Amino acid sequence: MYCPKCGKESTEDDNFCISCGEELSSYKNMENLHNINVKSNPDYGNKISKGDMSHSHSRKPVENSEIQLASLGSRIAAYIIDTVLVFVLVVLVLSVLAMYFTDDSYNLLAYLVYALVFFGYFILLEGPLGKGRTIGKRTLKLRVVKKDQSMIGYGASFGRNILRLIDGLFFYIIGMILISDSDLNQRLGDRAADTIVIKENDYENKSRPPTSLGYS
């Protein structure tokens, strides 16, 4: 289990945290009670709604998991910022490559560079490198996390972003419809990767996950 105070992982036999000395026995009893309730009631602790995520199945301990889902408007604004940045990066890369490639090969290269920069940008920054935050999401104070509030890995980030090919159809109308129709504001990529987008202030100030998770 993880110490609720400092986030240090301890073994099941430890009665006190090896890092901060916090007593763990009471938390173990709470975990046992939670496990019993889950077995007797499959829906126990599994109900999460917009603006009310006060009881979640977090694999990492949090002090208070009342977090707020990001609105559709804020996600659109963050995406616009990210798209502009990706476009600038692509232009810079292509301006350098233009000196070494002919016109025929340059056109194909331009599409390849755009795809690599676009997907690479989102996959890396929404993964562990950016800790769930692209520059646009940082600006709007948003973060992508798993539904259990843990940081997403590169596998989930890849799945979430590769499905932009579907969510982004018709200028993201598909994604916006799916978000509006979801209780957790999830587009197709979110549903496939089991992720949600939340407000950074709520996550930082209310949840405060342990520093060992690598959140800033």
N, C-alpha and C. Protein backbone atom coordinates (compact mmCIF):
# COMPACT_ATOMS: atom_id res chain seq x y z
N MET A 1 0.85 -1.19 0.00
CA MET A 1 0.00 0.00 0.00
C MET A 1 0.89 1.25 0.00
N TYR A 2 0.26 2.39 -0.25
CA TYR A 2 0.98 3.66 -0.28
C TYR A 2 0.60 4.50 0.95
N CYS A 3 1.58 5.14 1.53
CA CYS A 3 1.33 5.99 2.71
C CYS A 3 0.46 7.18 2.30
N PRO A 4 -0.68 7.40 2.98
CA PRO A 4 -1.55 8.53 2.63
C PRO A 4 -0.92 9.88 2.93
N LYS A 5 0.13 9.89 3.74
CA LYS A 5 0.74 11.17 4.12
C LYS A 5 1.85 11.59 3.17
N CYS A 6 2.77 10.67 2.85
CA CYS A 6 3.92 11.04 2.01
C CYS A 6 3.95 10.34 0.67
N GLY A 7 3.13 9.28 0.50
CA GLY A 7 3.08 8.58 -0.76
C GLY A 7 4.08 7.46 -0.93
N LYS A 8 4.89 7.20 0.09
CA LYS A 8 5.89 6.14 0.01
C LYS A 8 5.21 4.78 0.02
N GLU A 9 5.67 3.89 -0.88
CA GLU A 9 5.09 2.55 -0.94
C GLU A 9 5.65 1.69 0.19
N SER A 10 4.77 1.00 0.89
CA SER A 10 5.15 0.12 1.99
C SER A 10 4.60 -1.27 1.73
N THR A 11 5.16 -2.25 2.42
CA THR A 11 4.66 -3.61 2.29
C THR A 11 3.45 -3.80 3.19
N GLU A 12 2.73 -4.88 2.97
CA GLU A 12 1.54 -5.16 3.77
C GLU A 12 1.88 -5.43 5.23
N ASP A 13 3.12 -5.81 5.51
CA ASP A 13 3.53 -6.13 6.88
C ASP A 13 3.94 -4.91 7.68
N ASP A 14 4.15 -3.79 7.00
CA ASP A 14 4.60 -2.58 7.69
C ASP A 14 3.42 -1.93 8.42
N ASN A 15 3.61 -1.66 9.73
CA ASN A 15 2.60 -0.96 10.49
C ASN A 15 2.83 0.54 10.49
N PHE A 16 4.05 0.95 10.15
CA PHE A 16 4.38 2.37 10.08
C PHE A 16 5.10 2.64 8.77
N CYS A 17 4.92 3.85 8.23
CA CYS A 17 5.58 4.23 6.98
C CYS A 17 7.09 4.30 7.20
N ILE A 18 7.86 3.69 6.30
CA ILE A 18 9.31 3.66 6.44
C ILE A 18 9.93 5.02 6.10
N SER A 19 9.13 5.92 5.54
CA SER A 19 9.67 7.23 5.17
C SER A 19 9.33 8.31 6.20
N CYS A 20 8.02 8.42 6.55
CA CYS A 20 7.61 9.52 7.45
C CYS A 20 7.15 9.03 8.81
N GLY A 21 7.00 7.72 8.98
CA GLY A 21 6.59 7.18 10.28
C GLY A 21 5.11 7.17 10.53
N GLU A 22 4.29 7.52 9.52
CA GLU A 22 2.84 7.53 9.67
C GLU A 22 2.33 6.12 10.00
N GLU A 23 1.39 6.03 10.96
CA GLU A 23 0.82 4.73 11.31
C GLU A 23 -0.09 4.26 10.18
N LEU A 24 0.09 3.02 9.74
CA LEU A 24 -0.63 2.51 8.57
C LEU A 24 -1.74 1.53 8.93
N SER A 25 -1.77 1.08 10.17
CA SER A 25 -2.72 0.03 10.53
C SER A 25 -4.17 0.48 10.33
N SER A 26 -4.48 1.73 10.67
CA SER A 26 -5.86 2.20 10.53
C SER A 26 -6.27 2.27 9.07
N TYR A 27 -5.32 2.64 8.22
CA TYR A 27 -5.63 2.71 6.79
C TYR A 27 -5.83 1.32 6.20
N LYS A 28 -5.09 0.33 6.73
CA LYS A 28 -5.28 -1.04 6.27
C LYS A 28 -6.69 -1.52 6.58
N ASN A 29 -7.18 -1.15 7.78
CA ASN A 29 -8.53 -1.54 8.15
C ASN A 29 -9.56 -0.91 7.23
N MET A 30 -9.30 0.35 6.85
CA MET A 30 -10.20 1.04 5.92
C MET A 30 -10.19 0.36 4.56
N GLU A 31 -9.00 -0.07 4.12
CA GLU A 31 -8.90 -0.75 2.83
C GLU A 31 -9.64 -2.08 2.86
N ASN A 32 -9.52 -2.81 3.98
CA ASN A 32 -10.23 -4.08 4.11
C ASN A 32 -11.73 -3.88 4.05
N LEU A 33 -12.22 -2.82 4.75
CA LEU A 33 -13.65 -2.53 4.73
C LEU A 33 -14.10 -2.18 3.31
N HIS A 34 -13.26 -1.41 2.61
CA HIS A 34 -13.58 -1.03 1.24
C HIS A 34 -13.67 -2.26 0.34
N ASN A 35 -12.72 -3.18 0.51
CA ASN A 35 -12.72 -4.39 -0.31
C ASN A 35 -13.95 -5.24 -0.06
N ILE A 36 -14.38 -5.31 1.21
CA ILE A 36 -15.58 -6.08 1.55
C ILE A 36 -16.80 -5.46 0.89
N ASN A 37 -16.89 -4.12 0.94
CA ASN A 37 -18.03 -3.43 0.34
C ASN A 37 -18.05 -3.62 -1.17
N VAL A 38 -16.87 -3.62 -1.79
CA VAL A 38 -16.80 -3.81 -3.23
C VAL A 38 -17.31 -5.19 -3.62
N LYS A 39 -16.93 -6.22 -2.82
CA LYS A 39 -17.36 -7.58 -3.13
C LYS A 39 -18.86 -7.75 -2.95
N SER A 40 -19.41 -7.09 -1.92
CA SER A 40 -20.83 -7.24 -1.65
C SER A 40 -21.69 -6.35 -2.54
N ASN A 41 -21.11 -5.26 -3.05
CA ASN A 41 -21.84 -4.33 -3.90
C ASN A 41 -20.93 -3.86 -5.02
N PRO A 42 -21.05 -4.41 -6.22
CA PRO A 42 -20.15 -4.07 -7.32
C PRO A 42 -20.15 -2.60 -7.67
N ASP A 43 -21.24 -1.87 -7.35
CA ASP A 43 -21.31 -0.45 -7.69
C ASP A 43 -20.70 0.44 -6.62
N TYR A 44 -20.24 -0.18 -5.52
CA TYR A 44 -19.68 0.62 -4.42
C TYR A 44 -18.46 1.41 -4.88
N GLY A 45 -18.47 2.72 -4.64
CA GLY A 45 -17.32 3.56 -4.96
C GLY A 45 -17.04 3.67 -6.43
N ASN A 46 -18.01 3.32 -7.27
CA ASN A 46 -17.73 3.31 -8.70
C ASN A 46 -18.59 4.31 -9.46
N LYS A 47 -19.25 5.19 -8.72
CA LYS A 47 -20.11 6.18 -9.34
C LYS A 47 -19.40 7.52 -9.37
N ILE A 48 -19.14 8.01 -10.58
CA ILE A 48 -18.45 9.29 -10.77
C ILE A 48 -19.31 10.13 -11.70
N SER A 49 -19.62 11.32 -11.29
CA SER A 49 -20.43 12.19 -12.13
C SER A 49 -19.74 13.52 -12.33
N LYS A 50 -20.25 14.33 -13.24
CA LYS A 50 -19.66 15.62 -13.52
C LYS A 50 -19.66 16.45 -12.24
N GLY A 51 -18.49 16.97 -11.89
CA GLY A 51 -18.38 17.84 -10.74
C GLY A 51 -18.42 17.13 -9.41
N ASP A 52 -18.61 15.81 -9.40
CA ASP A 52 -18.66 15.09 -8.13
C ASP A 52 -17.95 13.76 -8.30
N MET A 53 -16.67 13.76 -7.93
CA MET A 53 -15.88 12.54 -8.01
C MET A 53 -15.33 12.25 -6.63
N SER A 54 -16.20 12.35 -5.63
CA SER A 54 -15.76 12.30 -4.25
C SER A 54 -15.41 10.90 -3.77
N HIS A 55 -15.77 9.87 -4.56
CA HIS A 55 -15.46 8.51 -4.10
C HIS A 55 -15.02 7.71 -5.31
N SER A 56 -13.74 7.62 -5.52
CA SER A 56 -13.24 6.96 -6.72
C SER A 56 -12.34 5.80 -6.37
N HIS A 57 -12.12 4.91 -7.33
CA HIS A 57 -11.26 3.76 -7.16
C HIS A 57 -9.83 4.15 -7.44
N SER A 58 -9.23 5.01 -6.69
CA SER A 58 -7.86 5.43 -6.96
C SER A 58 -6.88 4.38 -6.49
N ARG A 59 -5.94 4.03 -7.37
CA ARG A 59 -4.91 3.09 -6.99
C ARG A 59 -3.87 3.75 -6.12
N LYS A 60 -3.80 5.09 -6.16
CA LYS A 60 -2.89 5.85 -5.31
C LYS A 60 -3.72 6.64 -4.32
N PRO A 61 -3.27 6.77 -3.07
CA PRO A 61 -4.07 7.46 -2.06
C PRO A 61 -4.15 8.95 -2.34
N VAL A 62 -5.29 9.54 -2.08
CA VAL A 62 -5.46 10.98 -2.16
C VAL A 62 -6.18 11.45 -0.92
N GLU A 63 -5.94 12.68 -0.53
CA GLU A 63 -6.57 13.20 0.67
C GLU A 63 -8.04 13.52 0.43
N ASN A 64 -8.33 14.07 -0.74
CA ASN A 64 -9.70 14.45 -1.07
C ASN A 64 -9.84 14.41 -2.58
N SER A 65 -10.66 13.51 -3.08
CA SER A 65 -10.74 13.31 -4.51
C SER A 65 -11.91 14.05 -5.15
N GLU A 66 -12.35 15.17 -4.55
CA GLU A 66 -13.40 15.97 -5.16
C GLU A 66 -12.78 16.81 -6.26
N ILE A 67 -12.85 16.33 -7.48
CA ILE A 67 -12.24 17.04 -8.59
C ILE A 67 -13.30 17.37 -9.62
N GLN A 68 -13.03 18.40 -10.40
CA GLN A 68 -13.99 18.91 -11.37
C GLN A 68 -13.56 18.57 -12.79
N LEU A 69 -14.48 18.07 -13.59
CA LEU A 69 -14.18 17.75 -14.97
C LEU A 69 -14.03 19.04 -15.78
N ALA A 70 -13.13 19.01 -16.75
CA ALA A 70 -12.92 20.16 -17.63
C ALA A 70 -14.13 20.33 -18.54
N SER A 71 -14.50 21.58 -18.80
CA SER A 71 -15.63 21.86 -19.67
C SER A 71 -15.23 21.69 -21.13
N LEU A 72 -16.21 21.54 -21.99
CA LEU A 72 -15.95 21.40 -23.42
C LEU A 72 -15.27 22.66 -23.96
N GLY A 73 -15.70 23.83 -23.51
CA GLY A 73 -15.12 25.08 -23.97
C GLY A 73 -13.65 25.20 -23.64
N SER A 74 -13.27 24.82 -22.42
CA SER A 74 -11.87 24.92 -22.01
C SER A 74 -11.01 23.93 -22.78
N ARG A 75 -11.55 22.76 -23.10
CA ARG A 75 -10.80 21.77 -23.87
C ARG A 75 -10.60 22.24 -25.31
N ILE A 76 -11.61 22.88 -25.87
CA ILE A 76 -11.48 23.42 -27.23
C ILE A 76 -10.42 24.51 -27.26
N ALA A 77 -10.43 25.40 -26.26
CA ALA A 77 -9.45 26.48 -26.20
C ALA A 77 -8.03 25.93 -26.07
N ALA A 78 -7.86 24.91 -25.24
CA ALA A 78 -6.54 24.29 -25.07
C ALA A 78 -6.07 23.65 -26.37
N TYR A 79 -7.00 23.01 -27.08
CA TYR A 79 -6.64 22.35 -28.33
C TYR A 79 -6.24 23.37 -29.39
N ILE A 80 -6.90 24.50 -29.42
CA ILE A 80 -6.54 25.56 -30.38
C ILE A 80 -5.11 26.04 -30.13
N ILE A 81 -4.77 26.24 -28.85
CA ILE A 81 -3.40 26.66 -28.51
C ILE A 81 -2.40 25.61 -28.96
N ASP A 82 -2.70 24.35 -28.68
CA ASP A 82 -1.79 23.26 -29.06
C ASP A 82 -1.65 23.15 -30.58
N THR A 83 -2.75 23.33 -31.30
CA THR A 83 -2.71 23.23 -32.76
C THR A 83 -1.83 24.32 -33.36
N VAL A 84 -1.92 25.53 -32.81
CA VAL A 84 -1.07 26.63 -33.29
C VAL A 84 0.40 26.31 -33.03
N LEU A 85 0.70 25.78 -31.86
CA LEU A 85 2.08 25.43 -31.54
C LEU A 85 2.61 24.32 -32.44
N VAL A 86 1.77 23.32 -32.70
CA VAL A 86 2.17 22.23 -33.60
C VAL A 86 2.44 22.78 -35.00
N PHE A 87 1.60 23.68 -35.47
CA PHE A 87 1.78 24.27 -36.79
C PHE A 87 3.11 25.02 -36.87
N VAL A 88 3.43 25.77 -35.82
CA VAL A 88 4.71 26.50 -35.80
C VAL A 88 5.89 25.54 -35.83
N LEU A 89 5.79 24.46 -35.05
CA LEU A 89 6.87 23.47 -35.03
C LEU A 89 7.05 22.82 -36.40
N VAL A 90 5.93 22.50 -37.05
CA VAL A 90 5.99 21.87 -38.37
C VAL A 90 6.64 22.81 -39.38
N VAL A 91 6.26 24.07 -39.35
CA VAL A 91 6.84 25.06 -40.28
C VAL A 91 8.34 25.18 -40.07
N LEU A 92 8.78 25.19 -38.81
CA LEU A 92 10.21 25.31 -38.53
C LEU A 92 10.98 24.09 -39.05
N VAL A 93 10.41 22.91 -38.81
CA VAL A 93 11.08 21.69 -39.28
C VAL A 93 11.13 21.64 -40.80
N LEU A 94 10.02 21.97 -41.45
CA LEU A 94 9.97 21.90 -42.90
C LEU A 94 10.84 22.96 -43.56
N SER A 95 10.99 24.09 -42.92
CA SER A 95 11.85 25.13 -43.48
C SER A 95 13.31 24.69 -43.52
N VAL A 96 13.69 23.86 -42.57
CA VAL A 96 15.05 23.32 -42.56
C VAL A 96 15.18 22.20 -43.60
N LEU A 97 14.19 21.32 -43.64
CA LEU A 97 14.24 20.18 -44.57
C LEU A 97 14.13 20.62 -46.02
N ALA A 98 13.51 21.77 -46.27
CA ALA A 98 13.33 22.24 -47.64
C ALA A 98 14.66 22.47 -48.34
N MET A 99 15.71 22.67 -47.58
CA MET A 99 17.03 22.91 -48.17
C MET A 99 17.67 21.62 -48.68
N TYR A 100 17.12 20.47 -48.30
CA TYR A 100 17.77 19.20 -48.63
C TYR A 100 16.92 18.28 -49.50
N PHE A 101 15.66 18.64 -49.76
CA PHE A 101 14.79 17.75 -50.51
C PHE A 101 14.20 18.46 -51.72
N THR A 102 13.93 17.67 -52.76
CA THR A 102 13.35 18.21 -53.98
C THR A 102 11.85 18.43 -53.79
N ASP A 103 11.23 19.08 -54.78
CA ASP A 103 9.81 19.39 -54.66
C ASP A 103 8.95 18.14 -54.59
N ASP A 104 9.27 17.12 -55.38
CA ASP A 104 8.46 15.91 -55.40
C ASP A 104 8.48 15.18 -54.05
N SER A 105 9.65 15.03 -53.51
CA SER A 105 9.77 14.32 -52.23
C SER A 105 9.36 15.21 -51.06
N TYR A 106 9.42 16.52 -51.25
CA TYR A 106 9.11 17.45 -50.16
C TYR A 106 7.63 17.38 -49.79
N ASN A 107 6.76 17.25 -50.76
CA ASN A 107 5.32 17.20 -50.47
C ASN A 107 4.96 16.00 -49.59
N LEU A 108 5.50 14.84 -49.94
CA LEU A 108 5.26 13.66 -49.13
C LEU A 108 5.87 13.81 -47.75
N LEU A 109 7.05 14.39 -47.70
CA LEU A 109 7.73 14.60 -46.43
C LEU A 109 6.95 15.54 -45.52
N ALA A 110 6.31 16.54 -46.12
CA ALA A 110 5.54 17.51 -45.34
C ALA A 110 4.41 16.83 -44.58
N TYR A 111 3.69 15.91 -45.24
CA TYR A 111 2.62 15.17 -44.58
C TYR A 111 3.17 14.29 -43.46
N LEU A 112 4.30 13.65 -43.73
CA LEU A 112 4.90 12.77 -42.73
C LEU A 112 5.36 13.55 -41.50
N VAL A 113 6.00 14.69 -41.74
CA VAL A 113 6.47 15.52 -40.63
C VAL A 113 5.30 16.02 -39.80
N TYR A 114 4.25 16.46 -40.47
CA TYR A 114 3.10 16.96 -39.73
C TYR A 114 2.51 15.87 -38.83
N ALA A 115 2.35 14.66 -39.38
CA ALA A 115 1.78 13.56 -38.60
C ALA A 115 2.66 13.23 -37.39
N LEU A 116 3.97 13.16 -37.62
CA LEU A 116 4.89 12.82 -36.54
C LEU A 116 4.90 13.89 -35.45
N VAL A 117 4.93 15.15 -35.86
CA VAL A 117 4.97 16.25 -34.89
C VAL A 117 3.65 16.33 -34.14
N PHE A 118 2.54 16.22 -34.87
CA PHE A 118 1.22 16.35 -34.24
C PHE A 118 0.99 15.25 -33.20
N PHE A 119 1.11 13.99 -33.63
CA PHE A 119 0.85 12.90 -32.69
C PHE A 119 1.94 12.78 -31.63
N GLY A 120 3.19 13.04 -32.02
CA GLY A 120 4.28 12.99 -31.05
C GLY A 120 4.11 14.02 -29.95
N TYR A 121 3.67 15.21 -30.32
CA TYR A 121 3.45 16.29 -29.36
C TYR A 121 2.42 15.87 -28.31
N PHE A 122 1.27 15.39 -28.76
CA PHE A 122 0.21 15.05 -27.82
C PHE A 122 0.53 13.79 -27.02
N ILE A 123 1.09 12.78 -27.69
CA ILE A 123 1.38 11.52 -26.99
C ILE A 123 2.42 11.73 -25.90
N LEU A 124 3.48 12.45 -26.20
CA LEU A 124 4.55 12.66 -25.22
C LEU A 124 4.10 13.54 -24.05
N LEU A 125 3.44 14.65 -24.36
CA LEU A 125 3.08 15.60 -23.30
C LEU A 125 1.89 15.14 -22.48
N GLU A 126 0.98 14.37 -23.07
CA GLU A 126 -0.12 13.85 -22.27
C GLU A 126 0.28 12.56 -21.55
N GLY A 127 1.45 12.03 -21.90
CA GLY A 127 2.02 10.89 -21.20
C GLY A 127 2.89 11.34 -20.04
N PRO A 128 3.76 10.48 -19.55
CA PRO A 128 4.60 10.82 -18.39
C PRO A 128 5.50 12.04 -18.60
N LEU A 129 5.95 12.30 -19.83
CA LEU A 129 6.83 13.44 -20.05
C LEU A 129 6.18 14.76 -19.64
N GLY A 130 4.96 14.97 -20.06
CA GLY A 130 4.25 16.20 -19.70
C GLY A 130 3.31 16.02 -18.53
N LYS A 131 3.26 14.80 -17.97
CA LYS A 131 2.42 14.52 -16.81
C LYS A 131 0.95 14.87 -17.06
N GLY A 132 0.50 14.52 -18.27
CA GLY A 132 -0.91 14.73 -18.58
C GLY A 132 -1.26 16.11 -19.08
N ARG A 133 -0.24 16.94 -19.36
CA ARG A 133 -0.54 18.32 -19.74
C ARG A 133 0.25 18.75 -20.97
N THR A 134 -0.43 19.08 -22.03
CA THR A 134 0.19 19.77 -23.15
C THR A 134 0.35 21.23 -22.76
N ILE A 135 0.99 22.01 -23.60
CA ILE A 135 1.14 23.45 -23.29
C ILE A 135 -0.22 24.13 -23.24
N GLY A 136 -1.11 23.73 -24.15
CA GLY A 136 -2.46 24.29 -24.12
C GLY A 136 -3.19 23.95 -22.84
N LYS A 137 -3.05 22.71 -22.39
CA LYS A 137 -3.72 22.30 -21.14
C LYS A 137 -3.08 22.99 -19.94
N ARG A 138 -1.78 23.18 -19.97
CA ARG A 138 -1.14 23.93 -18.89
C ARG A 138 -1.67 25.35 -18.82
N THR A 139 -1.83 25.96 -19.99
CA THR A 139 -2.32 27.33 -20.05
C THR A 139 -3.73 27.45 -19.49
N LEU A 140 -4.57 26.48 -19.82
CA LEU A 140 -5.95 26.48 -19.35
C LEU A 140 -6.11 25.75 -18.02
N LYS A 141 -4.99 25.29 -17.45
CA LYS A 141 -4.99 24.60 -16.15
C LYS A 141 -5.85 23.33 -16.20
N LEU A 142 -5.57 22.49 -17.19
CA LEU A 142 -6.24 21.20 -17.34
C LEU A 142 -5.21 20.09 -17.28
N ARG A 143 -5.68 18.90 -17.00
CA ARG A 143 -4.79 17.74 -16.97
C ARG A 143 -5.56 16.48 -17.38
N VAL A 144 -4.89 15.60 -18.13
CA VAL A 144 -5.46 14.30 -18.48
C VAL A 144 -4.99 13.28 -17.45
N VAL A 145 -5.93 12.56 -16.87
CA VAL A 145 -5.59 11.52 -15.90
C VAL A 145 -6.45 10.29 -16.18
N LYS A 146 -6.08 9.17 -15.58
CA LYS A 146 -6.93 7.99 -15.62
C LYS A 146 -8.16 8.25 -14.75
N LYS A 147 -9.20 7.46 -14.94
CA LYS A 147 -10.41 7.66 -14.13
C LYS A 147 -10.16 7.43 -12.65
N ASP A 148 -9.09 6.67 -12.32
CA ASP A 148 -8.76 6.48 -10.90
C ASP A 148 -7.83 7.58 -10.40
N GLN A 149 -7.63 8.63 -11.23
CA GLN A 149 -6.86 9.83 -10.89
C GLN A 149 -5.36 9.63 -10.93
N SER A 150 -4.88 8.49 -11.43
CA SER A 150 -3.44 8.28 -11.57
C SER A 150 -2.97 8.83 -12.92
N MET A 151 -1.66 9.03 -13.03
CA MET A 151 -1.09 9.56 -14.26
C MET A 151 -1.16 8.53 -15.37
N ILE A 152 -1.46 8.95 -16.59
CA ILE A 152 -1.56 8.00 -17.69
C ILE A 152 -0.18 7.69 -18.25
N GLY A 153 0.00 6.47 -18.76
CA GLY A 153 1.25 6.07 -19.38
C GLY A 153 1.23 6.35 -20.87
N TYR A 154 2.33 6.01 -21.53
CA TYR A 154 2.42 6.29 -22.97
C TYR A 154 1.46 5.41 -23.77
N GLY A 155 1.19 4.20 -23.29
CA GLY A 155 0.26 3.34 -24.00
C GLY A 155 -1.14 3.95 -24.05
N ALA A 156 -1.62 4.41 -22.89
CA ALA A 156 -2.93 5.06 -22.83
C ALA A 156 -2.93 6.36 -23.61
N SER A 157 -1.82 7.10 -23.53
CA SER A 157 -1.72 8.36 -24.26
C SER A 157 -1.75 8.12 -25.77
N PHE A 158 -1.07 7.06 -26.22
CA PHE A 158 -1.09 6.72 -27.64
C PHE A 158 -2.50 6.37 -28.10
N GLY A 159 -3.18 5.50 -27.33
CA GLY A 159 -4.53 5.11 -27.70
C GLY A 159 -5.48 6.29 -27.70
N ARG A 160 -5.34 7.15 -26.70
CA ARG A 160 -6.20 8.32 -26.59
C ARG A 160 -6.03 9.25 -27.79
N ASN A 161 -4.79 9.43 -28.23
CA ASN A 161 -4.53 10.41 -29.27
C ASN A 161 -4.64 9.87 -30.68
N ILE A 162 -4.39 8.57 -30.88
CA ILE A 162 -4.53 8.02 -32.22
C ILE A 162 -5.99 8.05 -32.65
N LEU A 163 -6.90 8.02 -31.67
CA LEU A 163 -8.32 8.06 -31.99
C LEU A 163 -8.81 9.47 -32.30
N ARG A 164 -7.89 10.45 -32.27
CA ARG A 164 -8.23 11.78 -32.79
C ARG A 164 -8.58 11.69 -34.27
N LEU A 165 -8.10 10.64 -34.93
CA LEU A 165 -8.43 10.44 -36.34
C LEU A 165 -9.94 10.30 -36.54
N ILE A 166 -10.62 9.77 -35.50
CA ILE A 166 -12.08 9.65 -35.55
C ILE A 166 -12.74 10.83 -34.85
N ASP A 167 -12.26 11.14 -33.65
CA ASP A 167 -12.84 12.27 -32.91
C ASP A 167 -12.73 13.58 -33.68
N GLY A 168 -11.66 13.71 -34.47
CA GLY A 168 -11.42 14.96 -35.19
C GLY A 168 -12.15 15.10 -36.50
N LEU A 169 -12.97 14.11 -36.87
CA LEU A 169 -13.71 14.20 -38.13
C LEU A 169 -14.68 15.38 -38.11
N PHE A 170 -14.83 16.03 -39.26
CA PHE A 170 -15.75 17.16 -39.42
C PHE A 170 -15.43 18.27 -38.40
N PHE A 171 -14.13 18.60 -38.33
CA PHE A 171 -13.66 19.67 -37.44
C PHE A 171 -14.01 19.38 -35.97
N TYR A 172 -13.81 18.14 -35.56
CA TYR A 172 -14.02 17.68 -34.18
C TYR A 172 -15.49 17.67 -33.75
N ILE A 173 -16.39 17.70 -34.70
CA ILE A 173 -17.81 17.61 -34.34
C ILE A 173 -18.11 16.26 -33.69
N ILE A 174 -17.48 15.19 -34.20
CA ILE A 174 -17.68 13.86 -33.61
C ILE A 174 -17.24 13.86 -32.15
N GLY A 175 -16.05 14.40 -31.89
CA GLY A 175 -15.55 14.45 -30.52
C GLY A 175 -16.42 15.29 -29.61
N MET A 176 -16.90 16.41 -30.11
CA MET A 176 -17.73 17.29 -29.29
C MET A 176 -19.07 16.65 -28.96
N ILE A 177 -19.63 15.93 -29.93
CA ILE A 177 -20.90 15.23 -29.68
C ILE A 177 -20.71 14.16 -28.61
N LEU A 178 -19.61 13.40 -28.72
CA LEU A 178 -19.35 12.34 -27.74
C LEU A 178 -19.11 12.91 -26.36
N ILE A 179 -18.38 14.03 -26.27
CA ILE A 179 -18.13 14.68 -24.98
C ILE A 179 -19.44 15.14 -24.35
N SER A 180 -20.29 15.78 -25.16
CA SER A 180 -21.56 16.29 -24.65
C SER A 180 -22.49 15.17 -24.21
N ASP A 181 -22.32 13.99 -24.81
CA ASP A 181 -23.19 12.85 -24.51
C ASP A 181 -22.65 11.97 -23.38
N SER A 182 -21.50 12.35 -22.84
CA SER A 182 -20.85 11.52 -21.81
C SER A 182 -20.98 12.15 -20.43
N ASP A 183 -21.27 11.33 -19.44
CA ASP A 183 -21.33 11.81 -18.06
C ASP A 183 -19.96 12.26 -17.56
N LEU A 184 -18.90 11.75 -18.17
CA LEU A 184 -17.54 12.09 -17.74
C LEU A 184 -16.83 12.98 -18.76
N ASN A 185 -17.60 13.57 -19.68
CA ASN A 185 -17.01 14.44 -20.71
C ASN A 185 -15.92 13.71 -21.50
N GLN A 186 -16.18 12.49 -21.89
CA GLN A 186 -15.19 11.68 -22.59
C GLN A 186 -15.49 11.61 -24.09
N ARG A 187 -14.48 11.91 -24.90
CA ARG A 187 -14.59 11.63 -26.32
C ARG A 187 -14.21 10.16 -26.53
N LEU A 188 -14.19 9.72 -27.78
CA LEU A 188 -13.90 8.32 -28.06
C LEU A 188 -12.52 7.91 -27.53
N GLY A 189 -11.52 8.77 -27.74
CA GLY A 189 -10.18 8.47 -27.26
C GLY A 189 -10.12 8.31 -25.75
N ASP A 190 -10.88 9.13 -25.03
CA ASP A 190 -10.93 9.01 -23.57
C ASP A 190 -11.56 7.69 -23.14
N ARG A 191 -12.61 7.32 -23.82
CA ARG A 191 -13.30 6.10 -23.45
C ARG A 191 -12.42 4.87 -23.69
N ALA A 192 -11.69 4.89 -24.80
CA ALA A 192 -10.82 3.76 -25.12
C ALA A 192 -9.64 3.66 -24.15
N ALA A 193 -9.10 4.82 -23.74
CA ALA A 193 -7.94 4.84 -22.85
C ALA A 193 -8.31 4.92 -21.38
N ASP A 194 -9.63 5.02 -21.09
CA ASP A 194 -10.10 5.12 -19.71
C ASP A 194 -9.55 6.37 -19.03
N THR A 195 -9.61 7.50 -19.74
CA THR A 195 -9.07 8.76 -19.21
C THR A 195 -10.17 9.81 -19.10
N ILE A 196 -9.89 10.82 -18.29
CA ILE A 196 -10.75 11.99 -18.18
C ILE A 196 -9.87 13.23 -18.19
N VAL A 197 -10.45 14.38 -18.48
CA VAL A 197 -9.73 15.65 -18.43
C VAL A 197 -10.33 16.46 -17.29
N ILE A 198 -9.49 16.91 -16.38
CA ILE A 198 -9.96 17.58 -15.17
C ILE A 198 -9.34 18.96 -15.04
N LYS A 199 -9.93 19.75 -14.15
CA LYS A 199 -9.40 21.08 -13.88
C LYS A 199 -8.18 20.97 -12.97
N GLU A 200 -7.11 21.62 -13.37
CA GLU A 200 -5.85 21.51 -12.64
C GLU A 200 -5.94 22.05 -11.23
N ASN A 201 -6.63 23.18 -11.01
CA ASN A 201 -6.72 23.76 -9.68
C ASN A 201 -7.37 22.80 -8.70
N ASP A 202 -8.44 22.13 -9.13
CA ASP A 202 -9.11 21.18 -8.25
C ASP A 202 -8.20 20.00 -7.95
N TYR A 203 -7.48 19.56 -8.96
CA TYR A 203 -6.61 18.39 -8.77
C TYR A 203 -5.46 18.72 -7.84
N GLU A 204 -4.86 19.91 -8.02
CA GLU A 204 -3.73 20.31 -7.19
C GLU A 204 -4.16 20.60 -5.76
N ASN A 205 -5.26 21.35 -5.61
CA ASN A 205 -5.63 21.85 -4.30
C ASN A 205 -6.47 20.89 -3.48
N LYS A 206 -7.25 20.01 -4.15
CA LYS A 206 -8.13 19.12 -3.42
C LYS A 206 -7.57 17.72 -3.30
N SER A 207 -7.08 17.20 -4.43
CA SER A 207 -6.60 15.82 -4.41
C SER A 207 -5.23 15.72 -3.80
N ARG A 208 -4.29 16.57 -4.28
CA ARG A 208 -2.91 16.56 -3.80
C ARG A 208 -2.33 15.16 -3.73
N PRO A 209 -2.08 14.51 -4.86
CA PRO A 209 -1.50 13.18 -4.83
C PRO A 209 -0.08 13.23 -4.31
N PRO A 210 0.49 12.12 -3.86
CA PRO A 210 1.85 12.12 -3.32
C PRO A 210 2.86 12.56 -4.36
N THR A 211 3.94 13.21 -3.88
CA THR A 211 4.97 13.71 -4.79
C THR A 211 5.66 12.58 -5.50
N SER A 212 5.61 11.36 -4.97
CA SER A 212 6.27 10.23 -5.61
C SER A 212 5.63 9.85 -6.94
N LEU A 213 4.41 10.38 -7.20
CA LEU A 213 3.76 10.09 -8.47
C LEU A 213 4.38 10.91 -9.59
N GLY A 214 5.13 11.94 -9.24
CA GLY A 214 5.79 12.73 -10.26
C GLY A 214 4.98 13.91 -10.75
N TYR A 215 3.87 14.26 -10.07
CA TYR A 215 3.12 15.43 -10.49
C TYR A 215 3.82 16.68 -10.00
N SER A 216 3.67 17.76 -10.78
CA SER A 216 4.29 19.02 -10.34
C SER A 216 3.22 19.91 -9.73
